[in-house]
Amino acid sequence: MSGVARCPTSKEQYAVKVEIQPDVRDLAVRLGADVPYALKAVAGQLADDPDLGEPSGLPGILNLTVDGDMFDNCPDLSVGYIREPDRVEIRFLRVAPSAEPAIEPAVEASEREQPADPAAAALTVRQVADAWHRVTSWLKSHAPDSYAALRPGADSPALAALEAELGIPIPIELRTLWMLTAGDDGAGGGGCLPGNMALLDLDAVAAHHRRRSDAQSHEDAFNADRPEEERITVWKATWIPLVAWRPSDGTSGLYLDAESGYLGSWSRYNEPPGDVLDTLVTYLEEAADMLEAPALATRDRPGLIDGALVWRSSITPALEPRWRPAAD
């Protein structure tokens, strides 16, 4: 485990409270028989020394690396936590990479450009994490098939590789989401987001961005001879694909504009992009609100078919008899 445990000083008379998010505990069980024990050991260390970790790529989040060789059935782990004056909350857990990928050097957290407003960035991290934990907690309790379809979070080298592919920095809100869940393989043919849209995995993000950028290059060849008011924009370099219509259907979806911070819609058929006028935070918070209070849902209505979440807008006549609306 990185860092060295030490005895409390005179200023550290009492251990802080350490909380572990339920989905982190659930992921620990899936990662290895001894991972829950390792996580418990980390919690004990942090109770005595909450500053044991190092700054991560996320404002307000500290990171601790666990040497899996210290336990019988446990890979190397990366544990992310929030440090507050009287408590610690473990929010991120993933398998630590065994080696750095061969990419143009990944920017270390200490070298990454600091946000203009660190307090606002830290708030964004917590808002995204809180909203996504609300979504996954509902899925775990009500739609286990959809919960099981979510991929583990991405690590920093994977996100650095994606940044190199995209050619732009990944906004902090998207980086936070992908560190929690890096894709949705779907259940019952659809993803877990409203409209049964699915969170793209990182490879699909890069592929869609490349494909859409190529489409814009094709349009630019014609735009050179078009009057300014007739020029066509189907994609911008700052647009990062986020979700697709279905896990296996990338004909349309939503992107996050890294420049404005707002979502927009895209289509493979070069339809004019549309503004959604949601930030990633408001989009996830509304999804969580609709799951927790279906009767108050406005854009869509969650329901269930067996163990999968199926949103009302996605119901076909053939599936109608099997669909049951989610209860408040």
Protein backbone atom coordinates (compact mmCIF):
# COMPACT_ATOMS: atom_id res chain seq x y z
CA MET A 1 0.00 0.00 0.00
CA SER A 2 1.45 3.36 -0.96
CA GLY A 3 2.12 5.73 1.89
CA VAL A 4 3.37 4.77 5.32
CA ALA A 5 1.01 4.36 8.24
CA ARG A 6 2.07 6.26 11.32
CA CYS A 7 0.96 6.64 14.89
CA PRO A 8 -1.45 9.50 15.56
CA THR A 9 0.14 12.71 16.80
CA SER A 10 -1.20 14.76 19.66
CA LYS A 11 -3.46 16.52 17.15
CA GLU A 12 -4.92 13.20 15.99
CA GLN A 13 -6.47 11.87 19.15
CA TYR A 14 -9.54 10.47 17.43
CA ALA A 15 -9.85 8.41 14.26
CA VAL A 16 -12.10 9.90 11.61
CA LYS A 17 -15.19 8.09 10.37
CA VAL A 18 -14.66 6.19 7.11
CA GLU A 19 -17.64 5.43 4.87
CA ILE A 20 -17.60 3.11 1.86
CA GLN A 21 -20.20 3.59 -0.87
CA PRO A 22 -22.43 0.49 -1.33
CA ASP A 23 -21.55 0.06 -5.01
CA VAL A 24 -17.86 0.18 -4.08
CA ARG A 25 -18.43 -2.69 -1.65
CA ASP A 26 -20.31 -4.59 -4.36
CA LEU A 27 -17.51 -4.06 -6.87
CA ALA A 28 -14.95 -5.23 -4.32
CA VAL A 29 -16.74 -8.59 -4.07
CA ARG A 30 -16.58 -8.99 -7.84
CA LEU A 31 -12.89 -8.10 -8.11
CA GLY A 32 -11.59 -10.91 -5.90
CA ALA A 33 -12.27 -12.95 -2.79
CA ASP A 34 -9.87 -10.91 -0.64
CA VAL A 35 -10.64 -7.48 -2.12
CA PRO A 36 -13.35 -6.72 0.50
CA TYR A 37 -10.81 -7.49 3.21
CA ALA A 38 -8.24 -5.27 1.50
CA LEU A 39 -10.82 -2.49 1.28
CA LYS A 40 -11.56 -2.88 4.98
CA ALA A 41 -7.84 -2.66 5.72
CA VAL A 42 -7.63 0.56 3.66
CA ALA A 43 -10.56 1.99 5.62
CA GLY A 44 -8.74 1.23 8.86
CA GLN A 45 -5.59 2.93 7.63
CA LEU A 46 -7.53 6.00 6.52
CA ALA A 47 -9.35 6.22 9.85
CA ASP A 48 -5.96 6.68 11.52
CA ASP A 49 -4.34 8.70 8.74
CA PRO A 50 -6.89 10.31 6.37
CA ASP A 51 -4.12 12.14 4.49
CA LEU A 52 -2.33 8.94 3.51
CA GLY A 53 -3.37 9.22 -0.15
CA GLU A 54 -2.03 11.42 -2.90
CA PRO A 55 -3.89 13.97 -5.07
CA SER A 56 -5.64 12.33 -8.01
CA GLY A 57 -6.69 13.76 -11.35
CA LEU A 58 -9.98 14.82 -9.76
CA PRO A 59 -10.18 17.91 -7.53
CA GLY A 60 -11.07 17.00 -3.96
CA ILE A 61 -10.30 13.28 -4.50
CA LEU A 62 -7.26 11.57 -2.98
CA ASN A 63 -5.94 8.28 -4.34
CA LEU A 64 -4.37 5.34 -2.55
CA THR A 65 -2.73 2.34 -4.24
CA VAL A 66 -2.98 -1.10 -2.63
CA ASP A 67 -0.35 -3.77 -3.31
CA GLY A 68 -2.38 -6.90 -4.10
CA ASP A 69 0.52 -9.15 -3.14
CA MET A 70 -0.26 -8.33 0.49
CA PHE A 71 -3.42 -10.45 0.14
CA ASP A 72 -4.12 -13.94 -1.25
CA ASN A 73 -6.71 -13.19 -3.94
CA CYS A 74 -6.50 -9.50 -4.68
CA PRO A 75 -5.16 -7.53 -7.65
CA ASP A 76 -3.36 -4.24 -7.24
CA LEU A 77 -6.05 -1.67 -6.45
CA SER A 78 -6.58 2.04 -6.84
CA VAL A 79 -8.84 3.52 -4.15
CA GLY A 80 -10.22 7.05 -4.50
CA TYR A 81 -11.69 8.90 -1.53
CA ILE A 82 -12.99 12.26 -0.40
CA ARG A 83 -11.26 13.76 2.64
CA GLU A 84 -13.34 16.00 4.88
CA PRO A 85 -12.41 17.38 8.32
CA ASP A 86 -14.33 14.73 10.26
CA ARG A 87 -14.91 11.95 7.73
CA VAL A 88 -13.57 10.05 4.75
CA GLU A 89 -15.76 8.63 2.01
CA ILE A 90 -14.40 5.95 -0.35
CA ARG A 91 -16.05 6.49 -3.74
CA PHE A 92 -13.78 4.95 -6.37
CA LEU A 93 -12.34 1.45 -6.69
CA ARG A 94 -10.63 -0.08 -9.69
CA VAL A 95 -7.87 -2.51 -10.57
CA ALA A 96 -4.61 -0.59 -10.80
CA PRO A 97 -2.78 -0.99 -14.13
CA SER A 98 0.24 -3.28 -13.97
CA ALA A 99 2.19 -1.06 -16.34
CA GLU A 100 1.82 2.29 -18.01
CA PRO A 101 0.64 2.03 -21.63
CA ALA A 102 2.97 3.20 -24.37
CA ILE A 103 1.34 6.52 -25.11
CA GLU A 104 2.58 10.08 -25.33
CA PRO A 105 3.37 10.50 -21.69
CA ALA A 106 0.32 10.55 -19.50
CA VAL A 107 0.05 13.72 -17.49
CA GLU A 108 0.56 13.00 -13.83
CA ALA A 109 -2.05 14.42 -11.47
CA SER A 110 0.53 16.78 -9.98
CA GLU A 111 1.41 18.09 -13.47
CA ARG A 112 -2.13 18.43 -14.78
CA GLU A 113 -3.30 21.99 -15.31
CA GLN A 114 -5.23 23.06 -12.26
CA PRO A 115 -8.81 24.27 -12.78
CA ALA A 116 -9.43 28.00 -12.64
CA ASP A 117 -11.78 27.49 -9.69
CA PRO A 118 -10.69 24.41 -7.68
CA ALA A 119 -13.68 24.70 -5.33
CA ALA A 120 -16.15 24.69 -8.25
CA ALA A 121 -14.33 21.76 -9.85
CA ALA A 122 -14.44 19.78 -6.60
CA LEU A 123 -18.18 20.51 -6.33
CA THR A 124 -18.69 19.21 -9.88
CA VAL A 125 -16.85 16.00 -9.00
CA ARG A 126 -19.14 15.42 -6.03
CA GLN A 127 -22.30 16.30 -7.96
CA VAL A 128 -21.49 13.79 -10.72
CA ALA A 129 -20.47 11.12 -8.21
CA ASP A 130 -23.59 11.68 -6.10
CA ALA A 131 -25.95 11.56 -9.09
CA TRP A 132 -24.33 8.44 -10.52
CA HIS A 133 -24.35 6.68 -7.14
CA ARG A 134 -28.10 7.39 -6.96
CA VAL A 135 -28.57 5.82 -10.40
CA THR A 136 -26.49 2.73 -9.65
CA SER A 137 -28.04 2.25 -6.20
CA TRP A 138 -31.50 2.17 -7.81
CA LEU A 139 -30.31 -0.24 -10.50
CA LYS A 140 -28.76 -2.56 -7.94
CA SER A 141 -32.00 -2.71 -5.94
CA HIS A 142 -34.54 -2.82 -8.79
CA ALA A 143 -32.84 -3.76 -12.08
CA PRO A 144 -29.92 -6.10 -11.34
CA ASP A 145 -29.46 -7.06 -15.00
CA SER A 146 -28.94 -3.41 -15.95
CA TYR A 147 -26.63 -2.92 -12.97
CA ALA A 148 -24.52 -5.92 -13.99
CA ALA A 149 -24.17 -4.51 -17.53
CA LEU A 150 -22.23 -1.46 -16.31
CA ARG A 151 -18.50 -1.65 -16.88
CA PRO A 152 -15.94 -0.88 -14.16
CA GLY A 153 -14.43 2.57 -14.03
CA ALA A 154 -11.47 3.57 -16.19
CA ASP A 155 -8.05 4.29 -14.76
CA SER A 156 -5.95 7.40 -15.37
CA PRO A 157 -3.72 5.84 -18.09
CA ALA A 158 -6.80 4.80 -20.08
CA LEU A 159 -8.23 8.31 -19.85
CA ALA A 160 -4.85 9.79 -20.81
CA ALA A 161 -4.78 7.53 -23.87
CA LEU A 162 -8.27 8.69 -24.82
CA GLU A 163 -7.25 12.33 -24.40
CA ALA A 164 -4.35 11.73 -26.77
CA GLU A 165 -6.75 10.18 -29.29
CA LEU A 166 -9.29 13.00 -29.00
CA GLY A 167 -6.68 15.74 -29.00
CA ILE A 168 -8.50 17.69 -26.27
CA PRO A 169 -8.63 17.50 -22.45
CA ILE A 170 -11.51 15.50 -21.01
CA PRO A 171 -13.73 17.80 -18.90
CA ILE A 172 -13.69 17.09 -15.18
CA GLU A 173 -17.35 16.01 -15.07
CA LEU A 174 -16.83 13.42 -17.81
CA ARG A 175 -13.57 12.23 -16.30
CA THR A 176 -15.41 11.67 -13.01
CA LEU A 177 -18.19 9.66 -14.65
CA TRP A 178 -15.78 7.47 -16.61
CA MET A 179 -13.73 6.78 -13.48
CA LEU A 180 -16.95 5.43 -11.96
CA THR A 181 -18.29 3.57 -15.00
CA ALA A 182 -16.52 3.34 -18.35
CA GLY A 183 -19.39 2.06 -20.47
CA ASP A 184 -22.71 0.23 -20.44
CA ASP A 185 -23.03 -3.11 -22.27
CA GLY A 186 -26.81 -2.93 -21.95
CA ALA A 187 -29.50 -5.30 -20.69
CA GLY A 188 -32.60 -6.31 -22.60
CA GLY A 189 -31.22 -4.56 -25.67
CA GLY A 190 -30.89 -1.12 -24.10
CA GLY A 191 -28.77 0.99 -21.80
CA CYS A 192 -29.80 2.40 -18.44
CA LEU A 193 -30.08 6.09 -19.30
CA PRO A 194 -33.39 7.76 -20.30
CA GLY A 195 -34.64 6.45 -23.62
CA ASN A 196 -32.54 3.35 -22.89
CA MET A 197 -29.51 5.14 -24.24
CA ALA A 198 -26.19 3.55 -23.31
CA LEU A 199 -23.01 5.10 -21.97
CA LEU A 200 -20.31 4.51 -24.60
CA ASP A 201 -17.16 2.62 -23.67
CA LEU A 202 -13.86 4.45 -24.25
CA ASP A 203 -13.02 2.61 -27.49
CA ALA A 204 -16.44 3.52 -28.90
CA VAL A 205 -15.95 7.15 -27.82
CA ALA A 206 -12.71 7.35 -29.79
CA ALA A 207 -14.22 5.57 -32.81
CA HIS A 208 -17.30 7.81 -32.95
CA HIS A 209 -15.22 10.95 -32.52
CA ARG A 210 -12.91 9.85 -35.34
CA ARG A 211 -15.82 8.93 -37.62
CA ARG A 212 -17.70 12.16 -36.99
CA SER A 213 -14.54 14.23 -37.44
CA ASP A 214 -13.98 12.51 -40.79
CA ALA A 215 -17.54 13.41 -41.77
CA GLN A 216 -16.85 17.06 -40.94
CA SER A 217 -13.63 16.99 -42.98
CA HIS A 218 -15.71 15.77 -45.93
CA GLU A 219 -18.15 18.65 -45.43
CA ASP A 220 -15.31 21.14 -45.08
CA ALA A 221 -14.11 20.22 -48.57
CA PHE A 222 -17.47 21.46 -49.88
CA ASN A 223 -17.81 24.29 -47.37
CA ALA A 224 -14.85 26.02 -49.02
CA ASP A 225 -17.07 26.69 -52.07
CA ARG A 226 -20.28 27.40 -50.15
CA PRO A 227 -21.50 30.81 -48.99
CA GLU A 228 -20.89 31.23 -45.27
CA GLU A 229 -24.60 30.96 -44.43
CA GLU A 230 -24.83 27.60 -46.27
CA ARG A 231 -21.83 25.92 -44.72
CA ILE A 232 -22.62 22.69 -42.88
CA THR A 233 -21.30 21.72 -39.45
CA VAL A 234 -21.91 18.14 -38.42
CA TRP A 235 -19.15 17.92 -35.82
CA LYS A 236 -16.71 20.04 -33.85
CA ALA A 237 -13.40 18.98 -32.37
CA THR A 238 -14.58 19.88 -28.86
CA TRP A 239 -17.57 17.51 -29.02
CA ILE A 240 -16.99 14.26 -27.12
CA PRO A 241 -19.44 11.39 -27.78
CA LEU A 242 -21.09 10.34 -24.52
CA VAL A 243 -24.05 8.01 -25.09
CA ALA A 244 -25.46 6.09 -28.05
CA TRP A 245 -29.01 5.22 -29.03
CA ARG A 246 -28.37 1.60 -28.03
CA PRO A 247 -25.27 -0.38 -26.97
CA SER A 248 -25.16 -1.99 -30.42
CA ASP A 249 -26.63 0.95 -32.37
CA GLY A 250 -24.48 4.04 -32.72
CA THR A 251 -26.59 5.78 -35.36
CA SER A 252 -27.31 8.64 -32.95
CA GLY A 253 -26.63 9.79 -29.43
CA LEU A 254 -25.48 12.63 -27.22
CA TYR A 255 -22.15 14.41 -26.98
CA LEU A 256 -20.64 16.72 -24.37
CA ASP A 257 -19.23 19.97 -25.71
CA ALA A 258 -15.94 20.35 -23.83
CA GLU A 259 -15.97 24.07 -24.59
CA SER A 260 -19.48 25.03 -23.42
CA GLY A 261 -20.13 22.21 -20.94
CA TYR A 262 -23.53 21.45 -22.50
CA LEU A 263 -24.85 18.29 -24.11
CA GLY A 264 -25.99 18.08 -27.70
CA SER A 265 -27.37 15.40 -30.02
CA TRP A 266 -25.60 13.83 -32.99
CA SER A 267 -26.67 11.52 -35.80
CA ARG A 268 -24.78 9.38 -38.28
CA TYR A 269 -27.07 10.67 -41.00
CA ASN A 270 -25.60 14.17 -40.77
CA GLU A 271 -28.77 15.66 -39.42
CA PRO A 272 -28.17 19.12 -37.92
CA PRO A 273 -26.91 18.72 -34.33
CA GLY A 274 -29.33 19.78 -31.65
CA ASP A 275 -28.74 21.45 -28.31
CA VAL A 276 -30.01 19.49 -25.32
CA LEU A 277 -29.37 22.40 -22.92
CA ASP A 278 -28.37 20.04 -20.15
CA THR A 279 -25.01 19.81 -18.45
CA LEU A 280 -23.80 16.33 -17.59
CA VAL A 281 -24.62 17.06 -13.95
CA THR A 282 -28.23 18.07 -14.64
CA TYR A 283 -28.67 15.17 -17.07
CA LEU A 284 -27.55 12.60 -14.49
CA GLU A 285 -29.45 14.27 -11.65
CA GLU A 286 -32.68 14.20 -13.66
CA ALA A 287 -32.15 10.54 -14.54
CA ALA A 288 -31.69 9.79 -10.82
CA ASP A 289 -34.77 11.88 -9.95
CA MET A 290 -36.92 9.98 -12.45
CA LEU A 291 -35.77 6.63 -11.09
CA GLU A 292 -36.39 7.59 -7.47
CA ALA A 293 -39.73 9.34 -8.11
CA PRO A 294 -41.26 7.85 -11.29
CA ALA A 295 -44.61 9.56 -10.75
CA LEU A 296 -42.91 12.94 -11.09
CA ALA A 297 -40.93 12.00 -14.20
CA THR A 298 -41.48 14.31 -17.16
CA ARG A 299 -39.17 13.35 -20.02
CA ASP A 300 -39.55 9.58 -19.68
CA ARG A 301 -40.94 6.96 -17.32
CA PRO A 302 -38.82 4.11 -15.91
CA GLY A 303 -40.14 0.58 -15.81
CA LEU A 304 -39.00 -3.02 -15.66
CA ILE A 305 -39.00 -6.09 -17.84
CA ASP A 306 -37.73 -8.94 -15.71
CA GLY A 307 -34.45 -7.66 -14.22
CA ALA A 308 -33.77 -4.90 -16.73
CA LEU A 309 -34.62 -1.21 -16.65
CA VAL A 310 -36.73 -0.29 -19.68
CA TRP A 311 -37.83 3.30 -20.18
CA ARG A 312 -41.38 3.95 -21.40
CA SER A 313 -40.31 5.73 -24.58
CA SER A 314 -38.55 2.56 -25.72
CA ILE A 315 -41.45 0.14 -25.35
CA THR A 316 -42.52 -1.62 -28.53
CA PRO A 317 -46.02 -3.15 -28.92
CA ALA A 318 -44.49 -6.61 -28.53
CA LEU A 319 -42.95 -5.71 -25.18
CA GLU A 320 -45.93 -3.77 -23.82
CA PRO A 321 -47.56 -6.75 -21.98
CA ARG A 322 -44.33 -7.52 -20.11
CA TRP A 323 -43.50 -3.95 -19.06
CA ARG A 324 -44.23 -2.86 -15.50
CA PRO A 325 -43.88 0.76 -14.44
CA ALA A 326 -41.41 1.37 -11.65
CA ALA A 327 -43.01 2.14 -8.29
CA ASP A 328 -42.27 5.24 -6.23
